[in-house]
Amino acid sequence: MKAFNLKVVTPDGLLFDSEVESLLIRTDDGDVEFLAGHIDYMASIGTGRARIKQDGKDRFASVSGGFVTVKRGVVNLVAITFEFRENIDLDRARAARDAAKSAISSSNDDKAIRLAKAKLARAVNRIDVAEM
C-alpha cells in the first residue's frame, strides 16, 4: 500500500511525523479514512479513536478536539489531546471518569455540567482505547 506523510501536533508540540498507509479518524461529520492521494480536505474532529496503519500494523490512539487537513498529500492532525493506546494511564483515566460523573451529579450549574460531560467523554474514550 502506498504511504503518505502524517503529522500529529498537540499543544505540547509535534507528537508524530512519519510515513503511514492510512489514518482513520472521527470527524464531526463521521469517520473518515485517509489514504495516499487523498484530495485536499479539512474537517474538525471530535472525541474518538484514531487508527494509524504503519508498516501493515494498526496503532490506536485516543483523540479529542481539533482538526485534520490534507494539503498536497500531507495529512496534518492538530488535536487538543492525542494519546497512543500504549501511553494511556488507565488508572488516571478511570479517576477522571469518576470525578466527572461526581461533578455532573452534584452540580446545578449548566456550565459546570457541560464541562464535566466533556471531561467524561474524554475519559471514557481513553478507557475504551486503552482496553481494546
N, C-alpha and C. Protein backbone atom coordinates (compact mmCIF):
# COMPACT_ATOMS: atom_id res chain seq x y z
N MET A 1 0.84 -1.18 0.00
CA MET A 1 0.00 0.00 0.00
C MET A 1 0.89 1.24 0.00
N LYS A 2 0.51 2.23 -0.77
CA LYS A 2 1.28 3.46 -0.88
C LYS A 2 1.18 4.28 0.41
N ALA A 3 2.28 4.93 0.78
CA ALA A 3 2.33 5.69 2.03
C ALA A 3 2.24 7.19 1.78
N PHE A 4 1.94 7.92 2.85
CA PHE A 4 1.90 9.38 2.82
C PHE A 4 2.41 9.89 4.16
N ASN A 5 2.74 11.17 4.23
CA ASN A 5 3.25 11.75 5.47
C ASN A 5 2.11 12.19 6.36
N LEU A 6 2.17 11.78 7.63
CA LEU A 6 1.21 12.19 8.64
C LEU A 6 1.96 12.90 9.76
N LYS A 7 1.46 14.08 10.10
CA LYS A 7 2.00 14.83 11.23
C LYS A 7 0.87 15.01 12.25
N VAL A 8 1.18 14.72 13.51
CA VAL A 8 0.23 14.92 14.61
C VAL A 8 0.83 15.95 15.54
N VAL A 9 0.08 17.03 15.76
CA VAL A 9 0.53 18.13 16.60
C VAL A 9 -0.50 18.34 17.71
N THR A 10 0.01 18.54 18.94
CA THR A 10 -0.84 18.86 20.08
C THR A 10 -0.31 20.16 20.69
N PRO A 11 -0.97 20.69 21.71
CA PRO A 11 -0.42 21.88 22.36
C PRO A 11 1.00 21.68 22.90
N ASP A 12 1.39 20.42 23.11
CA ASP A 12 2.74 20.12 23.59
C ASP A 12 3.78 20.10 22.48
N GLY A 13 3.34 20.19 21.22
CA GLY A 13 4.27 20.19 20.09
C GLY A 13 4.04 19.03 19.14
N LEU A 14 5.03 18.79 18.29
CA LEU A 14 4.95 17.72 17.30
C LEU A 14 5.06 16.37 18.01
N LEU A 15 4.02 15.55 17.87
CA LEU A 15 3.97 14.27 18.57
C LEU A 15 4.33 13.10 17.65
N PHE A 16 4.03 13.26 16.36
CA PHE A 16 4.23 12.16 15.42
C PHE A 16 4.49 12.76 14.05
N ASP A 17 5.48 12.24 13.34
CA ASP A 17 5.80 12.71 11.99
C ASP A 17 6.43 11.53 11.26
N SER A 18 5.62 10.85 10.44
CA SER A 18 6.12 9.64 9.81
C SER A 18 5.27 9.29 8.58
N GLU A 19 5.80 8.37 7.79
CA GLU A 19 5.07 7.83 6.66
C GLU A 19 4.13 6.74 7.15
N VAL A 20 2.87 6.80 6.72
CA VAL A 20 1.86 5.82 7.11
C VAL A 20 1.06 5.39 5.88
N GLU A 21 0.34 4.28 6.01
CA GLU A 21 -0.52 3.83 4.90
C GLU A 21 -1.93 4.38 5.00
N SER A 22 -2.41 4.62 6.24
CA SER A 22 -3.75 5.17 6.38
C SER A 22 -3.94 5.80 7.76
N LEU A 23 -4.93 6.67 7.83
CA LEU A 23 -5.39 7.27 9.07
C LEU A 23 -6.90 7.23 9.04
N LEU A 24 -7.48 6.61 10.05
CA LEU A 24 -8.94 6.61 10.22
C LEU A 24 -9.24 7.42 11.46
N ILE A 25 -10.09 8.43 11.32
CA ILE A 25 -10.37 9.33 12.45
C ILE A 25 -11.83 9.75 12.43
N ARG A 26 -12.35 10.05 13.61
CA ARG A 26 -13.72 10.51 13.76
C ARG A 26 -13.76 12.02 13.59
N THR A 27 -14.42 12.49 12.54
CA THR A 27 -14.63 13.93 12.37
C THR A 27 -16.01 14.26 12.91
N ASP A 28 -16.35 15.54 12.94
CA ASP A 28 -17.68 15.93 13.39
C ASP A 28 -18.77 15.44 12.43
N ASP A 29 -18.38 15.07 11.21
CA ASP A 29 -19.34 14.56 10.22
C ASP A 29 -19.32 13.04 10.10
N GLY A 30 -18.51 12.37 10.90
CA GLY A 30 -18.42 10.91 10.84
C GLY A 30 -16.99 10.47 10.62
N ASP A 31 -16.80 9.17 10.52
CA ASP A 31 -15.46 8.61 10.34
C ASP A 31 -14.96 8.87 8.92
N VAL A 32 -13.68 9.23 8.83
CA VAL A 32 -13.03 9.47 7.53
C VAL A 32 -11.70 8.73 7.54
N GLU A 33 -11.42 8.02 6.45
CA GLU A 33 -10.13 7.35 6.32
C GLU A 33 -9.33 8.03 5.22
N PHE A 34 -8.10 8.33 5.56
CA PHE A 34 -7.20 8.99 4.62
C PHE A 34 -6.20 7.98 4.10
N LEU A 35 -6.03 7.97 2.78
CA LEU A 35 -5.05 7.12 2.11
C LEU A 35 -4.19 8.02 1.23
N ALA A 36 -3.09 7.49 0.73
CA ALA A 36 -2.23 8.26 -0.16
C ALA A 36 -3.05 8.77 -1.34
N GLY A 37 -2.81 10.01 -1.71
CA GLY A 37 -3.51 10.60 -2.85
C GLY A 37 -4.85 11.23 -2.51
N HIS A 38 -5.19 11.32 -1.23
CA HIS A 38 -6.46 11.93 -0.81
C HIS A 38 -6.50 13.38 -1.29
N ILE A 39 -7.67 13.82 -1.70
CA ILE A 39 -7.83 15.21 -2.13
C ILE A 39 -7.62 16.16 -0.95
N ASP A 40 -7.33 17.41 -1.25
CA ASP A 40 -7.21 18.41 -0.20
C ASP A 40 -8.52 18.43 0.60
N TYR A 41 -8.39 18.59 1.91
CA TYR A 41 -9.54 18.37 2.79
C TYR A 41 -9.29 19.07 4.11
N MET A 42 -10.38 19.44 4.79
CA MET A 42 -10.29 19.98 6.15
C MET A 42 -11.57 19.65 6.89
N ALA A 43 -11.41 19.22 8.15
CA ALA A 43 -12.58 18.90 8.98
C ALA A 43 -12.21 19.06 10.45
N SER A 44 -13.20 19.39 11.25
CA SER A 44 -12.99 19.42 12.69
C SER A 44 -13.18 18.00 13.23
N ILE A 45 -12.48 17.71 14.31
CA ILE A 45 -12.59 16.37 14.90
C ILE A 45 -13.16 16.48 16.30
N GLY A 46 -13.88 15.45 16.66
CA GLY A 46 -14.46 15.39 18.00
C GLY A 46 -13.65 14.44 18.86
N THR A 47 -14.32 13.86 19.82
CA THR A 47 -13.68 12.89 20.70
C THR A 47 -13.91 11.51 20.12
N GLY A 48 -12.84 10.76 19.95
CA GLY A 48 -12.97 9.42 19.40
C GLY A 48 -11.64 8.72 19.29
N ARG A 49 -11.66 7.62 18.57
CA ARG A 49 -10.48 6.79 18.40
C ARG A 49 -9.87 7.08 17.03
N ALA A 50 -8.56 7.06 16.98
CA ALA A 50 -7.84 7.16 15.71
C ALA A 50 -7.13 5.83 15.48
N ARG A 51 -7.08 5.43 14.20
CA ARG A 51 -6.30 4.24 13.84
C ARG A 51 -5.30 4.65 12.77
N ILE A 52 -4.04 4.41 13.06
CA ILE A 52 -2.97 4.69 12.10
C ILE A 52 -2.42 3.35 11.65
N LYS A 53 -2.38 3.14 10.34
CA LYS A 53 -1.78 1.93 9.80
C LYS A 53 -0.39 2.29 9.30
N GLN A 54 0.62 1.63 9.88
CA GLN A 54 2.00 1.90 9.54
C GLN A 54 2.74 0.57 9.43
N ASP A 55 3.42 0.38 8.31
CA ASP A 55 4.14 -0.87 8.06
C ASP A 55 3.22 -2.07 8.22
N GLY A 56 1.96 -1.91 7.79
CA GLY A 56 0.99 -3.00 7.82
C GLY A 56 0.39 -3.28 9.18
N LYS A 57 0.75 -2.52 10.20
CA LYS A 57 0.24 -2.75 11.56
C LYS A 57 -0.61 -1.57 12.00
N ASP A 58 -1.67 -1.89 12.74
CA ASP A 58 -2.56 -0.86 13.27
C ASP A 58 -2.05 -0.36 14.61
N ARG A 59 -2.14 0.95 14.77
CA ARG A 59 -1.80 1.60 16.04
C ARG A 59 -2.97 2.51 16.38
N PHE A 60 -3.45 2.43 17.63
CA PHE A 60 -4.64 3.18 18.02
C PHE A 60 -4.30 4.29 19.00
N ALA A 61 -5.14 5.33 18.97
CA ALA A 61 -4.95 6.47 19.87
C ALA A 61 -6.30 7.04 20.26
N SER A 62 -6.32 7.70 21.39
CA SER A 62 -7.47 8.46 21.85
C SER A 62 -7.26 9.91 21.42
N VAL A 63 -8.27 10.49 20.78
CA VAL A 63 -8.16 11.85 20.25
C VAL A 63 -9.34 12.67 20.74
N SER A 64 -9.09 13.94 21.01
CA SER A 64 -10.17 14.82 21.43
C SER A 64 -9.93 16.22 20.90
N GLY A 65 -10.88 16.68 20.10
CA GLY A 65 -10.88 18.05 19.61
C GLY A 65 -9.77 18.39 18.65
N GLY A 66 -10.00 19.40 17.85
CA GLY A 66 -9.00 19.87 16.90
C GLY A 66 -9.51 19.79 15.47
N PHE A 67 -8.57 19.60 14.55
CA PHE A 67 -8.94 19.49 13.14
C PHE A 67 -7.91 18.67 12.39
N VAL A 68 -8.32 18.22 11.21
CA VAL A 68 -7.43 17.46 10.33
C VAL A 68 -7.46 18.13 8.96
N THR A 69 -6.29 18.22 8.33
CA THR A 69 -6.21 18.79 6.99
C THR A 69 -5.38 17.89 6.09
N VAL A 70 -5.68 17.97 4.81
CA VAL A 70 -4.85 17.35 3.79
C VAL A 70 -4.53 18.45 2.79
N LYS A 71 -3.23 18.62 2.55
CA LYS A 71 -2.81 19.61 1.56
C LYS A 71 -1.62 19.03 0.80
N ARG A 72 -1.81 18.86 -0.50
CA ARG A 72 -0.79 18.30 -1.38
C ARG A 72 -0.23 16.98 -0.85
N GLY A 73 -1.11 16.14 -0.37
CA GLY A 73 -0.71 14.80 0.05
C GLY A 73 -0.20 14.68 1.47
N VAL A 74 -0.03 15.80 2.17
CA VAL A 74 0.43 15.75 3.56
C VAL A 74 -0.79 15.89 4.47
N VAL A 75 -0.93 14.96 5.41
CA VAL A 75 -2.05 14.98 6.35
C VAL A 75 -1.53 15.53 7.68
N ASN A 76 -2.21 16.57 8.17
CA ASN A 76 -1.88 17.18 9.45
C ASN A 76 -3.06 17.01 10.38
N LEU A 77 -2.79 16.43 11.54
CA LEU A 77 -3.81 16.28 12.57
C LEU A 77 -3.40 17.18 13.73
N VAL A 78 -4.19 18.20 14.00
CA VAL A 78 -3.93 19.12 15.10
C VAL A 78 -5.00 18.84 16.15
N ALA A 79 -4.57 18.25 17.26
CA ALA A 79 -5.52 17.79 18.27
C ALA A 79 -5.28 18.44 19.62
N ILE A 80 -6.37 18.65 20.34
CA ILE A 80 -6.25 19.16 21.71
C ILE A 80 -5.59 18.09 22.57
N THR A 81 -6.06 16.85 22.44
CA THR A 81 -5.40 15.73 23.11
C THR A 81 -5.23 14.59 22.11
N PHE A 82 -4.12 13.89 22.21
CA PHE A 82 -3.83 12.73 21.36
C PHE A 82 -2.92 11.82 22.17
N GLU A 83 -3.42 10.63 22.49
CA GLU A 83 -2.62 9.68 23.27
C GLU A 83 -2.65 8.32 22.60
N PHE A 84 -1.47 7.80 22.27
CA PHE A 84 -1.41 6.44 21.77
C PHE A 84 -1.83 5.48 22.88
N ARG A 85 -2.47 4.39 22.48
CA ARG A 85 -3.01 3.42 23.43
C ARG A 85 -1.98 3.02 24.49
N GLU A 86 -0.76 2.77 24.05
CA GLU A 86 0.26 2.29 24.99
C GLU A 86 0.70 3.35 26.00
N ASN A 87 0.32 4.61 25.78
CA ASN A 87 0.70 5.69 26.70
C ASN A 87 -0.42 6.11 27.65
N ILE A 88 -1.58 5.51 27.50
CA ILE A 88 -2.72 5.91 28.33
C ILE A 88 -2.56 5.31 29.73
N ASP A 89 -2.68 6.16 30.73
CA ASP A 89 -2.67 5.74 32.13
C ASP A 89 -4.11 5.38 32.51
N LEU A 90 -4.39 4.10 32.54
CA LEU A 90 -5.76 3.63 32.75
C LEU A 90 -6.30 4.03 34.12
N ASP A 91 -5.48 3.97 35.15
CA ASP A 91 -5.94 4.38 36.48
C ASP A 91 -6.31 5.86 36.51
N ARG A 92 -5.50 6.67 35.85
CA ARG A 92 -5.78 8.11 35.78
C ARG A 92 -7.06 8.38 35.00
N ALA A 93 -7.26 7.65 33.90
CA ALA A 93 -8.47 7.82 33.09
C ALA A 93 -9.72 7.42 33.89
N ARG A 94 -9.62 6.34 34.64
CA ARG A 94 -10.76 5.90 35.47
C ARG A 94 -11.06 6.91 36.57
N ALA A 95 -10.01 7.48 37.17
CA ALA A 95 -10.21 8.50 38.19
C ALA A 95 -10.87 9.74 37.60
N ALA A 96 -10.46 10.12 36.39
CA ALA A 96 -11.06 11.28 35.70
C ALA A 96 -12.53 11.00 35.38
N ARG A 97 -12.83 9.77 34.96
CA ARG A 97 -14.22 9.39 34.68
C ARG A 97 -15.06 9.52 35.94
N ASP A 98 -14.57 8.97 37.04
CA ASP A 98 -15.33 9.00 38.29
C ASP A 98 -15.51 10.43 38.80
N ALA A 99 -14.48 11.26 38.67
CA ALA A 99 -14.59 12.66 39.10
C ALA A 99 -15.60 13.41 38.24
N ALA A 100 -15.61 13.14 36.94
CA ALA A 100 -16.56 13.81 36.05
C ALA A 100 -18.00 13.39 36.37
N LYS A 101 -18.20 12.11 36.62
CA LYS A 101 -19.54 11.63 36.99
C LYS A 101 -20.01 12.29 38.28
N SER A 102 -19.12 12.40 39.23
CA SER A 102 -19.45 13.04 40.50
C SER A 102 -19.80 14.51 40.31
N ALA A 103 -19.02 15.19 39.47
CA ALA A 103 -19.28 16.62 39.20
C ALA A 103 -20.63 16.81 38.52
N ILE A 104 -20.99 15.90 37.62
CA ILE A 104 -22.27 16.01 36.92
C ILE A 104 -23.42 15.84 37.91
N SER A 105 -23.31 14.86 38.78
CA SER A 105 -24.42 14.57 39.70
C SER A 105 -24.53 15.58 40.84
N SER A 106 -23.46 16.29 41.16
CA SER A 106 -23.50 17.19 42.30
C SER A 106 -23.65 18.67 41.95
N SER A 107 -23.69 18.99 40.66
CA SER A 107 -23.74 20.40 40.27
C SER A 107 -25.11 20.80 39.74
N ASN A 108 -25.44 22.06 39.96
CA ASN A 108 -26.66 22.65 39.39
C ASN A 108 -26.32 23.70 38.34
N ASP A 109 -25.04 23.95 38.16
CA ASP A 109 -24.56 24.97 37.23
C ASP A 109 -24.42 24.37 35.83
N ASP A 110 -25.14 24.92 34.85
CA ASP A 110 -25.13 24.39 33.48
C ASP A 110 -23.73 24.36 32.88
N LYS A 111 -22.96 25.42 33.11
CA LYS A 111 -21.61 25.50 32.55
C LYS A 111 -20.72 24.40 33.16
N ALA A 112 -20.81 24.21 34.45
CA ALA A 112 -20.02 23.17 35.13
C ALA A 112 -20.42 21.79 34.66
N ILE A 113 -21.70 21.58 34.42
CA ILE A 113 -22.19 20.28 33.94
C ILE A 113 -21.70 20.01 32.52
N ARG A 114 -21.74 21.03 31.66
CA ARG A 114 -21.23 20.85 30.28
C ARG A 114 -19.74 20.50 30.28
N LEU A 115 -18.98 21.20 31.11
CA LEU A 115 -17.55 20.92 31.23
C LEU A 115 -17.31 19.50 31.75
N ALA A 116 -18.06 19.10 32.75
CA ALA A 116 -17.91 17.75 33.31
C ALA A 116 -18.29 16.68 32.29
N LYS A 117 -19.31 16.94 31.47
CA LYS A 117 -19.71 15.98 30.43
C LYS A 117 -18.62 15.83 29.37
N ALA A 118 -17.96 16.93 29.03
CA ALA A 118 -16.85 16.86 28.07
C ALA A 118 -15.69 16.07 28.67
N LYS A 119 -15.41 16.29 29.95
CA LYS A 119 -14.34 15.54 30.62
C LYS A 119 -14.70 14.06 30.70
N LEU A 120 -15.96 13.77 30.94
CA LEU A 120 -16.42 12.39 30.99
C LEU A 120 -16.24 11.71 29.65
N ALA A 121 -16.61 12.38 28.56
CA ALA A 121 -16.47 11.80 27.22
C ALA A 121 -15.00 11.51 26.91
N ARG A 122 -14.10 12.42 27.26
CA ARG A 122 -12.67 12.19 27.03
C ARG A 122 -12.16 11.01 27.85
N ALA A 123 -12.56 10.95 29.11
CA ALA A 123 -12.10 9.86 29.98
C ALA A 123 -12.62 8.51 29.49
N VAL A 124 -13.87 8.45 29.13
CA VAL A 124 -14.45 7.19 28.64
C VAL A 124 -13.77 6.76 27.34
N ASN A 125 -13.48 7.71 26.47
CA ASN A 125 -12.78 7.38 25.22
C ASN A 125 -11.38 6.84 25.51
N ARG A 126 -10.67 7.46 26.42
CA ARG A 126 -9.33 6.99 26.78
C ARG A 126 -9.41 5.57 27.34
N ILE A 127 -10.40 5.31 28.19
CA ILE A 127 -10.57 3.96 28.76
C ILE A 127 -10.88 2.96 27.66
N ASP A 128 -11.79 3.31 26.77
CA ASP A 128 -12.16 2.41 25.66
C ASP A 128 -10.94 2.06 24.80
N VAL A 129 -10.14 3.05 24.47
CA VAL A 129 -8.95 2.81 23.63
C VAL A 129 -7.93 1.96 24.40
N ALA A 130 -7.71 2.28 25.67
CA ALA A 130 -6.73 1.54 26.47
C ALA A 130 -7.12 0.08 26.64
N GLU A 131 -8.42 -0.19 26.72
CA GLU A 131 -8.90 -1.55 26.96
C GLU A 131 -9.13 -2.35 25.68
N MET A 132 -8.82 -1.80 24.55
CA MET A 132 -9.03 -2.52 23.29
C MET A 132 -8.18 -3.79 23.23
